Amino acid sequence: MKYAIGLLLVVLLSACSTTSPDVVQRGDAQRLSTVQDATVLSVRAVTVDGTQSGTGSIAGGLVGGVAGSSVGGRREGIVVGVLAAVAGAVAGNAIERSVTREDAVEILLQLRSGDRRAIVQARGNETLMPGDAVILIMTGAKARVTRAPR
């Protein structure tokens, strides 16, 4: 039982969204995007903080509650179960937050129009450097930066 709930937690957390420029969300597939030429002015490493959706807390609380309630007799099991559920919820929240944290880059761009834009995206397969020619791809309210085709 404990292993099944733990596996459920891992599956739920692995399904969380990413900001990677190499991953296109299902809803963005086959949608027309706007593309602008740009030049990289600077790139700096940042961290995208992990999510706290409540999924980790709920799963951790369930695991803790079930595990704790099996300790001792009926009365002790209730007390330990409640305490273990609270501890599990706290641990589950911390696990969710650390699993969904991403190493990212903040890219400052100079558009051909002279305007400047900044975007934060997860580290992708490309390493961008100041002076690189790139394209800014915008789909709805989302944007990503990738190296310009030659």
Protein backbone atom coordinates (compact mmCIF):
# COMPACT_ATOMS: atom_id res chain seq x y z
CA MET A 1 0.00 0.00 0.00
CA LYS A 2 2.78 2.43 0.95
CA TYR A 3 4.63 1.73 -2.28
CA ALA A 4 1.51 2.30 -4.39
CA ILE A 5 0.88 5.70 -2.81
CA GLY A 6 4.55 6.64 -3.18
CA LEU A 7 4.46 5.64 -6.83
CA LEU A 8 1.30 7.73 -7.31
CA LEU A 9 3.11 10.73 -5.82
CA VAL A 10 6.06 10.32 -8.18
CA VAL A 11 3.75 10.01 -11.21
CA LEU A 12 1.73 13.08 -10.25
CA LEU A 13 4.82 15.19 -9.66
CA SER A 14 6.50 14.08 -12.88
CA ALA A 15 3.49 15.30 -14.85
CA CYS A 16 4.10 18.90 -13.80
CA SER A 17 4.74 21.54 -16.45
CA THR A 18 8.16 22.66 -17.62
CA THR A 19 9.49 25.91 -19.06
CA SER A 20 11.95 24.13 -21.35
CA PRO A 21 12.25 25.58 -24.86
CA ASP A 22 12.65 22.00 -26.11
CA VAL A 23 9.23 20.88 -24.83
CA VAL A 24 6.08 22.09 -26.56
CA GLN A 25 2.84 21.78 -24.60
CA ARG A 26 0.08 19.75 -26.26
CA GLY A 27 -2.21 22.80 -26.52
CA ASP A 28 0.48 24.71 -28.46
CA ALA A 29 0.91 22.04 -31.15
CA GLN A 30 -0.46 22.95 -34.58
CA ARG A 31 -1.01 26.57 -33.57
CA LEU A 32 0.33 29.45 -35.62
CA SER A 33 3.13 31.32 -33.85
CA THR A 34 4.66 34.74 -34.41
CA VAL A 35 8.43 34.82 -34.94
CA GLN A 36 10.75 37.80 -34.44
CA ASP A 37 14.46 38.03 -35.15
CA ALA A 38 16.62 39.13 -32.25
CA THR A 39 20.15 39.22 -30.89
CA VAL A 40 21.14 37.97 -27.44
CA LEU A 41 22.44 40.79 -25.23
CA SER A 42 23.00 38.72 -22.08
CA VAL A 43 22.24 35.35 -20.50
CA ARG A 44 22.24 34.70 -16.77
CA ALA A 45 21.47 31.60 -14.75
CA VAL A 46 18.33 31.69 -12.59
CA THR A 47 16.14 29.14 -10.80
CA VAL A 48 12.41 28.76 -11.44
CA ASP A 49 10.88 28.07 -8.03
CA GLY A 50 8.96 24.82 -7.63
CA THR A 51 5.18 24.62 -7.52
CA GLN A 52 3.08 24.12 -4.42
CA SER A 53 -0.16 22.87 -5.95
CA GLY A 54 -1.20 20.87 -2.89
CA THR A 55 -0.74 17.52 -4.63
CA GLY A 56 2.42 16.79 -2.64
CA SER A 57 0.77 17.76 0.64
CA ILE A 58 -2.29 15.60 -0.02
CA ALA A 59 -0.27 12.57 -1.10
CA GLY A 60 2.18 12.97 1.79
CA GLY A 61 -0.66 13.37 4.27
CA LEU A 62 -2.36 10.21 2.99
CA VAL A 63 0.84 8.19 3.14
CA GLY A 64 1.65 9.48 6.64
CA GLY A 65 -1.87 8.96 7.91
CA VAL A 66 -2.13 5.38 6.65
CA ALA A 67 1.34 4.46 7.90
CA GLY A 68 0.87 6.14 11.28
CA SER A 69 -2.58 4.73 11.97
CA SER A 70 -1.23 1.18 11.92
CA VAL A 71 1.00 1.88 14.95
CA GLY A 72 -0.08 0.54 18.36
CA GLY A 73 -3.67 0.04 19.43
CA ARG A 74 -6.78 1.92 18.32
CA ARG A 75 -6.22 5.02 20.47
CA GLU A 76 -2.48 5.28 19.79
CA GLY A 77 -3.06 4.61 16.11
CA ILE A 78 -5.41 7.59 15.82
CA VAL A 79 -2.97 9.99 17.54
CA VAL A 80 0.07 8.72 15.65
CA GLY A 81 -1.95 8.68 12.41
CA VAL A 82 -2.89 12.35 12.78
CA LEU A 83 0.67 13.38 13.66
CA ALA A 84 2.09 11.30 10.80
CA ALA A 85 -0.46 12.79 8.37
CA VAL A 86 0.66 16.32 9.29
CA ALA A 87 4.34 15.38 9.00
CA GLY A 88 3.64 13.63 5.70
CA ALA A 89 1.82 16.68 4.33
CA VAL A 90 4.76 18.94 5.21
CA ALA A 91 7.24 16.49 3.68
CA GLY A 92 5.07 16.00 0.57
CA ASN A 93 4.89 19.77 0.01
CA ALA A 94 8.68 20.06 0.31
CA ILE A 95 9.19 17.14 -2.09
CA GLU A 96 6.79 18.62 -4.64
CA ARG A 97 8.53 21.99 -4.46
CA SER A 98 12.03 20.54 -4.91
CA VAL A 99 11.02 18.11 -7.70
CA THR A 100 9.36 20.88 -9.75
CA ARG A 101 12.20 23.42 -9.33
CA GLU A 102 14.08 24.07 -12.60
CA ASP A 103 17.45 25.48 -13.54
CA ALA A 104 16.74 28.21 -16.07
CA VAL A 105 18.24 31.18 -17.89
CA GLU A 106 17.10 34.77 -18.18
CA ILE A 107 17.80 35.96 -21.72
CA LEU A 108 17.90 39.67 -22.58
CA LEU A 109 17.17 40.24 -26.27
CA GLN A 110 17.53 43.15 -28.70
CA LEU A 111 14.81 42.92 -31.36
CA ARG A 112 15.46 44.18 -34.90
CA SER A 113 13.00 47.04 -34.18
CA GLY A 114 15.31 48.25 -31.40
CA ASP A 115 12.99 47.11 -28.60
CA ARG A 116 14.39 44.94 -25.83
CA ARG A 117 12.73 41.92 -24.28
CA ALA A 118 13.63 39.56 -21.45
CA ILE A 119 12.47 35.98 -21.10
CA VAL A 120 13.07 33.27 -18.53
CA GLN A 121 13.08 29.69 -19.81
CA ALA A 122 14.50 26.38 -18.61
CA ARG A 123 17.91 25.41 -19.89
CA GLY A 124 17.47 23.69 -23.22
CA ASN A 125 19.78 21.78 -25.52
CA GLU A 126 21.25 25.03 -26.89
CA THR A 127 23.71 27.24 -25.06
CA LEU A 128 23.07 30.85 -26.04
CA MET A 129 25.78 33.50 -25.80
CA PRO A 130 25.73 37.31 -26.14
CA GLY A 131 25.80 38.24 -29.82
CA ASP A 132 24.01 35.07 -30.99
CA ALA A 133 21.30 35.51 -33.61
CA VAL A 134 18.07 34.02 -32.24
CA ILE A 135 14.37 33.94 -32.91
CA LEU A 136 11.67 34.76 -30.40
CA ILE A 137 8.72 32.40 -30.96
CA MET A 138 5.43 33.60 -29.46
CA THR A 139 2.36 31.36 -29.24
CA GLY A 140 -0.49 33.07 -27.45
CA ALA A 141 0.89 34.44 -24.19
CA LYS A 142 3.86 32.02 -24.22
CA ALA A 143 7.29 32.70 -25.70
CA ARG A 144 10.54 30.84 -26.16
CA VAL A 145 13.94 31.63 -27.61
CA THR A 146 15.97 29.41 -29.91
CA ARG A 147 18.96 29.84 -32.20
CA ALA A 148 18.05 31.40 -35.56
CA PRO A 149 18.25 29.15 -38.61
CA ARG A 150 21.27 29.86 -40.79
